[in-house]
Amino acid sequence: MDWVATAGDLIYESPGEAHTLVAHDHPDPMRVFFIVKGPLVWLNDKGEPDDYFDVHQYIALYKAHYEKVGLGAALIDKLYR
């Protein structure tokens, strides 16, 4: 089912649900805050683990982005213990 979230909406997605996030062209930028608990695990056609994405991959992505935009990867280290 297609639906559109608007400013102030809270969306809860149960574990195992699939989704596609689309940010429509709008004069106000979209802001989103995700809380992910545990790794994301992709399963193959047999239902067996095929790949995963965990906190360590998130940290690596953010460090690379901060370096790219000139903030420095070390700034990420200040955000967690």
PDB file of N, CA and C in Angstrom:
ATOM      1  N   MET A   1       0.846  -1.183   0.000  1.00  0.00           N
ATOM      2  CA  MET A   1       0.000   0.000   0.000  1.00  0.00           C
ATOM      3  C   MET A   1       0.891   1.246   0.000  1.00  0.00           C
ATOM      4  N   ASP A   2       0.666   2.156  -0.915  1.00  0.00           N
ATOM      5  CA  ASP A   2       1.412   3.419  -0.961  1.00  0.00           C
ATOM      6  C   ASP A   2       0.766   4.430  -0.021  1.00  0.00           C
ATOM      7  N   TRP A   3       1.576   5.204   0.663  1.00  0.00           N
ATOM      8  CA  TRP A   3       1.091   6.277   1.512  1.00  0.00           C
ATOM      9  C   TRP A   3       2.197   7.305   1.643  1.00  0.00           C
ATOM     10  N   VAL A   4       1.862   8.474   2.100  1.00  0.00           N
ATOM     11  CA  VAL A   4       2.823   9.562   2.216  1.00  0.00           C
ATOM     12  C   VAL A   4       2.835  10.060   3.655  1.00  0.00           C
ATOM     13  N   ALA A   5       4.005  10.077   4.259  1.00  0.00           N
ATOM     14  CA  ALA A   5       4.173  10.661   5.582  1.00  0.00           C
ATOM     15  C   ALA A   5       4.381  12.160   5.406  1.00  0.00           C
ATOM     16  N   THR A   6       3.862  12.932   6.332  1.00  0.00           N
ATOM     17  CA  THR A   6       4.019  14.385   6.277  1.00  0.00           C
ATOM     18  C   THR A   6       4.709  14.871   7.545  1.00  0.00           C
ATOM     19  N   ALA A   7       5.019  16.145   7.592  1.00  0.00           N
ATOM     20  CA  ALA A   7       5.746  16.739   8.715  1.00  0.00           C
ATOM     21  C   ALA A   7       5.110  16.347  10.040  1.00  0.00           C
ATOM     22  N   GLY A   8       5.947  15.869  10.958  1.00  0.00           N
ATOM     23  CA  GLY A   8       5.489  15.504  12.285  1.00  0.00           C
ATOM     24  C   GLY A   8       5.029  14.065  12.422  1.00  0.00           C
ATOM     25  N   ASP A   9       4.948  13.319  11.325  1.00  0.00           N
ATOM     26  CA  ASP A   9       4.504  11.924  11.393  1.00  0.00           C
ATOM     27  C   ASP A   9       5.567  11.060  12.062  1.00  0.00           C
ATOM     28  N   LEU A  10       5.109  10.058  12.790  1.00  0.00           N
ATOM     29  CA  LEU A  10       5.972   9.053  13.384  1.00  0.00           C
ATOM     30  C   LEU A  10       5.617   7.729  12.735  1.00  0.00           C
ATOM     31  N   ILE A  11       6.617   7.034  12.245  1.00  0.00           N
ATOM     32  CA  ILE A  11       6.399   5.760  11.578  1.00  0.00           C
ATOM     33  C   ILE A  11       7.160   4.691  12.337  1.00  0.00           C
ATOM     34  N   TYR A  12       6.469   3.605  12.666  1.00  0.00           N
ATOM     35  CA  TYR A  12       7.123   2.459  13.285  1.00  0.00           C
ATOM     36  C   TYR A  12       7.051   1.307  12.299  1.00  0.00           C
ATOM     37  N   GLU A  13       8.189   0.708  12.052  1.00  0.00           N
ATOM     38  CA  GLU A  13       8.229  -0.413  11.121  1.00  0.00           C
ATOM     39  C   GLU A  13       8.685  -1.646  11.884  1.00  0.00           C
ATOM     40  N   SER A  14       7.859  -2.665  11.861  1.00  0.00           N
ATOM     41  CA  SER A  14       8.167  -3.906  12.568  1.00  0.00           C
ATOM     42  C   SER A  14       9.365  -4.603  11.936  1.00  0.00           C
ATOM     43  N   PRO A  15      10.144  -5.327  12.754  1.00  0.00           N
ATOM     44  CA  PRO A  15      11.263  -6.093  12.196  1.00  0.00           C
ATOM     45  C   PRO A  15      10.777  -7.035  11.092  1.00  0.00           C
ATOM     46  N   GLY A  16      11.552  -7.098  10.026  1.00  0.00           N
ATOM     47  CA  GLY A  16      11.211  -7.981   8.918  1.00  0.00           C
ATOM     48  C   GLY A  16      10.368  -7.339   7.836  1.00  0.00           C
ATOM     49  N   GLU A  17       9.887  -6.131   8.069  1.00  0.00           N
ATOM     50  CA  GLU A  17       9.085  -5.439   7.059  1.00  0.00           C
ATOM     51  C   GLU A  17      10.001  -4.803   6.019  1.00  0.00           C
ATOM     52  N   ALA A  18       9.537  -4.767   4.795  1.00  0.00           N
ATOM     53  CA  ALA A  18      10.295  -4.130   3.715  1.00  0.00           C
ATOM     54  C   ALA A  18       9.710  -2.753   3.440  1.00  0.00           C
ATOM     55  N   HIS A  19      10.542  -1.832   2.992  1.00  0.00           N
ATOM     56  CA  HIS A  19      10.073  -0.476   2.703  1.00  0.00           C
ATOM     57  C   HIS A  19      10.948   0.150   1.627  1.00  0.00           C
ATOM     58  N   THR A  20      10.411   1.198   1.067  1.00  0.00           N
ATOM     59  CA  THR A  20      11.162   2.016   0.125  1.00  0.00           C
ATOM     60  C   THR A  20      10.962   3.466   0.538  1.00  0.00           C
ATOM     61  N   LEU A  21      12.045   4.136   0.865  1.00  0.00           N
ATOM     62  CA  LEU A  21      11.988   5.537   1.274  1.00  0.00           C
ATOM     63  C   LEU A  21      12.184   6.410   0.047  1.00  0.00           C
ATOM     64  N   VAL A  22      11.229   7.306  -0.197  1.00  0.00           N
ATOM     65  CA  VAL A  22      11.312   8.240  -1.316  1.00  0.00           C
ATOM     66  C   VAL A  22      11.106   9.643  -0.756  1.00  0.00           C
ATOM     67  N   ALA A  23      12.032  10.540  -1.044  1.00  0.00           N
ATOM     68  CA  ALA A  23      11.886  11.936  -0.638  1.00  0.00           C
ATOM     69  C   ALA A  23      11.444  12.725  -1.863  1.00  0.00           C
ATOM     70  N   HIS A  24      10.190  13.160  -1.858  1.00  0.00           N
ATOM     71  CA  HIS A  24       9.647  13.919  -2.987  1.00  0.00           C
ATOM     72  C   HIS A  24      10.229  15.326  -3.012  1.00  0.00           C
ATOM     73  N   ASP A  25      10.314  15.896  -4.191  1.00  0.00           N
ATOM     74  CA  ASP A  25      10.810  17.262  -4.344  1.00  0.00           C
ATOM     75  C   ASP A  25       9.884  18.207  -3.579  1.00  0.00           C
ATOM     76  N   HIS A  26      10.450  19.008  -2.709  1.00  0.00           N
ATOM     77  CA  HIS A  26       9.661  19.897  -1.852  1.00  0.00           C
ATOM     78  C   HIS A  26      10.547  21.064  -1.441  1.00  0.00           C
ATOM     79  N   PRO A  27       9.997  22.245  -1.243  1.00  0.00           N
ATOM     80  CA  PRO A  27      10.833  23.388  -0.850  1.00  0.00           C
ATOM     81  C   PRO A  27      11.482  23.222   0.529  1.00  0.00           C
ATOM     82  N   ASP A  28      10.838  22.462   1.425  1.00  0.00           N
ATOM     83  CA  ASP A  28      11.425  22.195   2.739  1.00  0.00           C
ATOM     84  C   ASP A  28      12.184  20.873   2.679  1.00  0.00           C
ATOM     85  N   PRO A  29      13.416  20.848   3.157  1.00  0.00           N
ATOM     86  CA  PRO A  29      14.177  19.594   3.094  1.00  0.00           C
ATOM     87  C   PRO A  29      13.575  18.533   4.012  1.00  0.00           C
ATOM     88  N   MET A  30      13.684  17.287   3.602  1.00  0.00           N
ATOM     89  CA  MET A  30      13.216  16.190   4.437  1.00  0.00           C
ATOM     90  C   MET A  30      14.240  15.937   5.533  1.00  0.00           C
ATOM     91  N   ARG A  31      13.747  15.708   6.721  1.00  0.00           N
ATOM     92  CA  ARG A  31      14.604  15.320   7.835  1.00  0.00           C
ATOM     93  C   ARG A  31      14.046  14.016   8.380  1.00  0.00           C
ATOM     94  N   VAL A  32      14.934  13.094   8.609  1.00  0.00           N
ATOM     95  CA  VAL A  32      14.492  11.794   9.108  1.00  0.00           C
ATOM     96  C   VAL A  32      15.459  11.328  10.185  1.00  0.00           C
ATOM     97  N   PHE A  33      14.934  10.660  11.174  1.00  0.00           N
ATOM     98  CA  PHE A  33      15.735  10.123  12.273  1.00  0.00           C
ATOM     99  C   PHE A  33      15.395   8.649  12.389  1.00  0.00           C
ATOM    100  N   PHE A  34      16.373   7.785  12.096  1.00  0.00           N
ATOM    101  CA  PHE A  34      16.164   6.345  12.166  1.00  0.00           C
ATOM    102  C   PHE A  34      16.750   5.800  13.455  1.00  0.00           C
ATOM    103  N   ILE A  35      16.048   4.885  14.073  1.00  0.00           N
ATOM    104  CA  ILE A  35      16.591   4.114  15.191  1.00  0.00           C
ATOM    105  C   ILE A  35      16.601   2.668  14.724  1.00  0.00           C
ATOM    106  N   VAL A  36      17.788   2.107  14.618  1.00  0.00           N
ATOM    107  CA  VAL A  36      17.942   0.722  14.183  1.00  0.00           C
ATOM    108  C   VAL A  36      18.574  -0.033  15.336  1.00  0.00           C
ATOM    109  N   LYS A  37      17.901  -1.074  15.792  1.00  0.00           N
ATOM    110  CA  LYS A  37      18.433  -1.889  16.889  1.00  0.00           C
ATOM    111  C   LYS A  37      18.856  -3.228  16.316  1.00  0.00           C
ATOM    112  N   GLY A  38      20.130  -3.503  16.406  1.00  0.00           N
ATOM    113  CA  GLY A  38      20.658  -4.745  15.872  1.00  0.00           C
ATOM    114  C   GLY A  38      21.013  -4.603  14.409  1.00  0.00           C
ATOM    115  N   PRO A  39      21.632  -5.630  13.839  1.00  0.00           N
ATOM    116  CA  PRO A  39      22.036  -5.558  12.429  1.00  0.00           C
ATOM    117  C   PRO A  39      20.858  -5.754  11.498  1.00  0.00           C
ATOM    118  N   LEU A  40      20.991  -5.234  10.290  1.00  0.00           N
ATOM    119  CA  LEU A  40      20.048  -5.545   9.220  1.00  0.00           C
ATOM    120  C   LEU A  40      20.608  -6.773   8.523  1.00  0.00           C
ATOM    121  N   VAL A  41      19.814  -7.811   8.391  1.00  0.00           N
ATOM    122  CA  VAL A  41      20.270  -9.062   7.789  1.00  0.00           C
ATOM    123  C   VAL A  41      19.419  -9.352   6.563  1.00  0.00           C
ATOM    124  N   TRP A  42      20.080  -9.528   5.421  1.00  0.00           N
ATOM    125  CA  TRP A  42      19.380  -9.872   4.193  1.00  0.00           C
ATOM    126  C   TRP A  42      19.424 -11.374   4.016  1.00  0.00           C
ATOM    127  N   LEU A  43      18.284 -11.932   3.606  1.00  0.00           N
ATOM    128  CA  LEU A  43      18.176 -13.371   3.413  1.00  0.00           C
ATOM    129  C   LEU A  43      18.095 -13.702   1.933  1.00  0.00           C
ATOM    130  N   ASN A  44      18.627 -14.862   1.566  1.00  0.00           N
ATOM    131  CA  ASN A  44      18.533 -15.304   0.179  1.00  0.00           C
ATOM    132  C   ASN A  44      17.185 -15.995  -0.052  1.00  0.00           C
ATOM    133  N   ASP A  45      16.992 -16.556  -1.217  1.00  0.00           N
ATOM    134  CA  ASP A  45      15.725 -17.196  -1.564  1.00  0.00           C
ATOM    135  C   ASP A  45      15.395 -18.399  -0.678  1.00  0.00           C
ATOM    136  N   LYS A  46      16.405 -18.956  -0.047  1.00  0.00           N
ATOM    137  CA  LYS A  46      16.197 -20.100   0.842  1.00  0.00           C
ATOM    138  C   LYS A  46      15.960 -19.668   2.291  1.00  0.00           C
ATOM    139  N   GLY A  47      15.955 -18.356   2.529  1.00  0.00           N
ATOM    140  CA  GLY A  47      15.761 -17.845   3.879  1.00  0.00           C
ATOM    141  C   GLY A  47      17.006 -17.879   4.737  1.00  0.00           C
ATOM    142  N   GLU A  48      18.156 -18.073   4.106  1.00  0.00           N
ATOM    143  CA  GLU A  48      19.427 -18.107   4.828  1.00  0.00           C
ATOM    144  C   GLU A  48      20.105 -16.741   4.761  1.00  0.00           C
ATOM    145  N   PRO A  49      20.864 -16.369   5.802  1.00  0.00           N
ATOM    146  CA  PRO A  49      21.556 -15.075   5.766  1.00  0.00           C
ATOM    147  C   PRO A  49      22.470 -14.972   4.552  1.00  0.00           C
ATOM    148  N   ASP A  50      22.367 -13.846   3.868  1.00  0.00           N
ATOM    149  CA  ASP A  50      23.145 -13.621   2.657  1.00  0.00           C
ATOM    150  C   ASP A  50      24.137 -12.470   2.837  1.00  0.00           C
ATOM    151  N   ASP A  51      23.728 -11.459   3.614  1.00  0.00           N
ATOM    152  CA  ASP A  51      24.568 -10.294   3.857  1.00  0.00           C
ATOM    153  C   ASP A  51      24.020  -9.583   5.081  1.00  0.00           C
ATOM    154  N   TYR A  52      24.766  -8.635   5.602  1.00  0.00           N
ATOM    155  CA  TYR A  52      24.300  -7.883   6.765  1.00  0.00           C
ATOM    156  C   TYR A  52      24.892  -6.478   6.742  1.00  0.00           C
ATOM    157  N   PHE A  53      24.304  -5.625   7.574  1.00  0.00           N
ATOM    158  CA  PHE A  53      24.788  -4.257   7.738  1.00  0.00           C
ATOM    159  C   PHE A  53      24.622  -3.935   9.210  1.00  0.00           C
ATOM    160  N   ASP A  54      25.700  -3.615   9.896  1.00  0.00           N
ATOM    161  CA  ASP A  54      25.608  -3.368  11.325  1.00  0.00           C
ATOM    162  C   ASP A  54      26.190  -2.011  11.706  1.00  0.00           C
ATOM    163  N   VAL A  55      26.255  -1.761  12.992  1.00  0.00           N
ATOM    164  CA  VAL A  55      26.702  -0.467  13.499  1.00  0.00           C
ATOM    165  C   VAL A  55      28.101  -0.099  12.997  1.00  0.00           C
ATOM    166  N   HIS A  56      28.952  -1.083  12.817  1.00  0.00           N
ATOM    167  CA  HIS A  56      30.309  -0.791  12.367  1.00  0.00           C
ATOM    168  C   HIS A  56      30.324  -0.252  10.930  1.00  0.00           C
ATOM    169  N   GLN A  57      29.435  -0.770  10.081  1.00  0.00           N
ATOM    170  CA  GLN A  57      29.335  -0.237   8.719  1.00  0.00           C
ATOM    171  C   GLN A  57      28.742   1.174   8.733  1.00  0.00           C
ATOM    172  N   TYR A  58      27.753   1.416   9.617  1.00  0.00           N
ATOM    173  CA  TYR A  58      27.208   2.777   9.738  1.00  0.00           C
ATOM    174  C   TYR A  58      28.311   3.760  10.135  1.00  0.00           C
ATOM    175  N   ILE A  59      29.095   3.396  11.134  1.00  0.00           N
ATOM    176  CA  ILE A  59      30.167   4.285  11.598  1.00  0.00           C
ATOM    177  C   ILE A  59      31.156   4.569  10.474  1.00  0.00           C
ATOM    178  N   ALA A  60      31.533   3.547   9.726  1.00  0.00           N
ATOM    179  CA  ALA A  60      32.470   3.731   8.608  1.00  0.00           C
ATOM    180  C   ALA A  60      31.888   4.674   7.555  1.00  0.00           C
ATOM    181  N   LEU A  61      30.592   4.525   7.249  1.00  0.00           N
ATOM    182  CA  LEU A  61      29.946   5.421   6.277  1.00  0.00           C
ATOM    183  C   LEU A  61      29.959   6.864   6.755  1.00  0.00           C
ATOM    184  N   TYR A  62      29.601   7.058   8.025  1.00  0.00           N
ATOM    185  CA  TYR A  62      29.558   8.419   8.557  1.00  0.00           C
ATOM    186  C   TYR A  62      30.948   9.046   8.602  1.00  0.00           C
ATOM    187  N   LYS A  63      31.947   8.266   8.990  1.00  0.00           N
ATOM    188  CA  LYS A  63      33.315   8.797   9.015  1.00  0.00           C
ATOM    189  C   LYS A  63      33.759   9.210   7.608  1.00  0.00           C
ATOM    190  N   ALA A  64      33.457   8.383   6.618  1.00  0.00           N
ATOM    191  CA  ALA A  64      33.821   8.721   5.235  1.00  0.00           C
ATOM    192  C   ALA A  64      33.101   9.988   4.789  1.00  0.00           C
ATOM    193  N   HIS A  65      31.823  10.121   5.148  1.00  0.00           N
ATOM    194  CA  HIS A  65      31.068  11.322   4.768  1.00  0.00           C
ATOM    195  C   HIS A  65      31.643  12.560   5.455  1.00  0.00           C
ATOM    196  N   TYR A  66      31.919  12.463   6.756  1.00  0.00           N
ATOM    197  CA  TYR A  66      32.466  13.617   7.475  1.00  0.00           C
ATOM    198  C   TYR A  66      33.811  14.038   6.907  1.00  0.00           C
ATOM    199  N   GLU A  67      34.623  13.076   6.516  1.00  0.00           N
ATOM    200  CA  GLU A  67      35.893  13.406   5.866  1.00  0.00           C
ATOM    201  C   GLU A  67      35.637  14.135   4.552  1.00  0.00           C
ATOM    202  N   LYS A  68      34.701  13.607   3.760  1.00  0.00           N
ATOM    203  CA  LYS A  68      34.404  14.173   2.439  1.00  0.00           C
ATOM    204  C   LYS A  68      33.929  15.620   2.530  1.00  0.00           C
ATOM    205  N   VAL A  69      33.116  15.936   3.544  1.00  0.00           N
ATOM    206  CA  VAL A  69      32.571  17.291   3.652  1.00  0.00           C
ATOM    207  C   VAL A  69      33.435  18.219   4.502  1.00  0.00           C
ATOM    208  N   GLY A  70      34.606  17.708   4.931  1.00  0.00           N
ATOM    209  CA  GLY A  70      35.553  18.574   5.621  1.00  0.00           C
ATOM    210  C   GLY A  70      35.406  18.678   7.127  1.00  0.00           C
ATOM    211  N   LEU A  71      34.573  17.849   7.734  1.00  0.00           N
ATOM    212  CA  LEU A  71      34.407  17.900   9.186  1.00  0.00           C
ATOM    213  C   LEU A  71      35.416  17.022   9.915  1.00  0.00           C
ATOM    214  N   GLY A  72      35.960  16.037   9.231  1.00  0.00           N
ATOM    215  CA  GLY A  72      36.928  15.124   9.821  1.00  0.00           C
ATOM    216  C   GLY A  72      36.260  13.934  10.505  1.00  0.00           C
ATOM    217  N   ALA A  73      36.785  12.766  10.226  1.00  0.00           N
ATOM    218  CA  ALA A  73      36.213  11.529  10.755  1.00  0.00           C
ATOM    219  C   ALA A  73      36.279  11.463  12.278  1.00  0.00           C
ATOM    220  N   ALA A  74      37.262  12.118  12.871  1.00  0.00           N
ATOM    221  CA  ALA A  74      37.409  12.073  14.331  1.00  0.00           C
ATOM    222  C   ALA A  74      36.208  12.666  15.048  1.00  0.00           C
ATOM    223  N   LEU A  75      35.470  13.527  14.388  1.00  0.00           N
ATOM    224  CA  LEU A  75      34.280  14.118  15.010  1.00  0.00           C
ATOM    225  C   LEU A  75      33.241  13.047  15.335  1.00  0.00           C
ATOM    226  N   ILE A  76      33.170  12.004  14.539  1.00  0.00           N
ATOM    227  CA  ILE A  76      32.228  10.910  14.800  1.00  0.00           C
ATOM    228  C   ILE A  76      32.561  10.216  16.115  1.00  0.00           C
ATOM    229  N   ASP A  77      33.849  10.062  16.402  1.00  0.00           N
ATOM    230  CA  ASP A  77      34.249   9.389  17.626  1.00  0.00           C
ATOM    231  C   ASP A  77      33.747  10.108  18.886  1.00  0.00           C
ATOM    232  N   LYS A  78      33.495  11.398  18.793  1.00  0.00           N
ATOM    233  CA  LYS A  78      33.001  12.170  19.926  1.00  0.00           C
ATOM    234  C   LYS A  78      31.508  11.924  20.181  1.00  0.00           C
ATOM    235  N   LEU A  79      30.831  11.263  19.242  1.00  0.00           N
ATOM    236  CA  LEU A  79      29.390  11.058  19.367  1.00  0.00           C
ATOM    237  C   LEU A  79      29.014   9.806  20.139  1.00  0.00           C
ATOM    238  N   TYR A  80      29.971   8.953  20.418  1.00  0.00           N
ATOM    239  CA  TYR A  80      29.681   7.733  21.170  1.00  0.00           C
ATOM    240  C   TYR A  80      30.852   7.431  22.104  1.00  0.00           C
ATOM    241  N   ARG A  81      30.589   6.575  23.059  1.00  0.00           N
ATOM    242  CA  ARG A  81      31.640   6.230  24.025  1.00  0.00           C
ATOM    243  C   ARG A  81      32.550   5.178  23.491  1.00  0.00           C
TER     244      ARG A  81
END
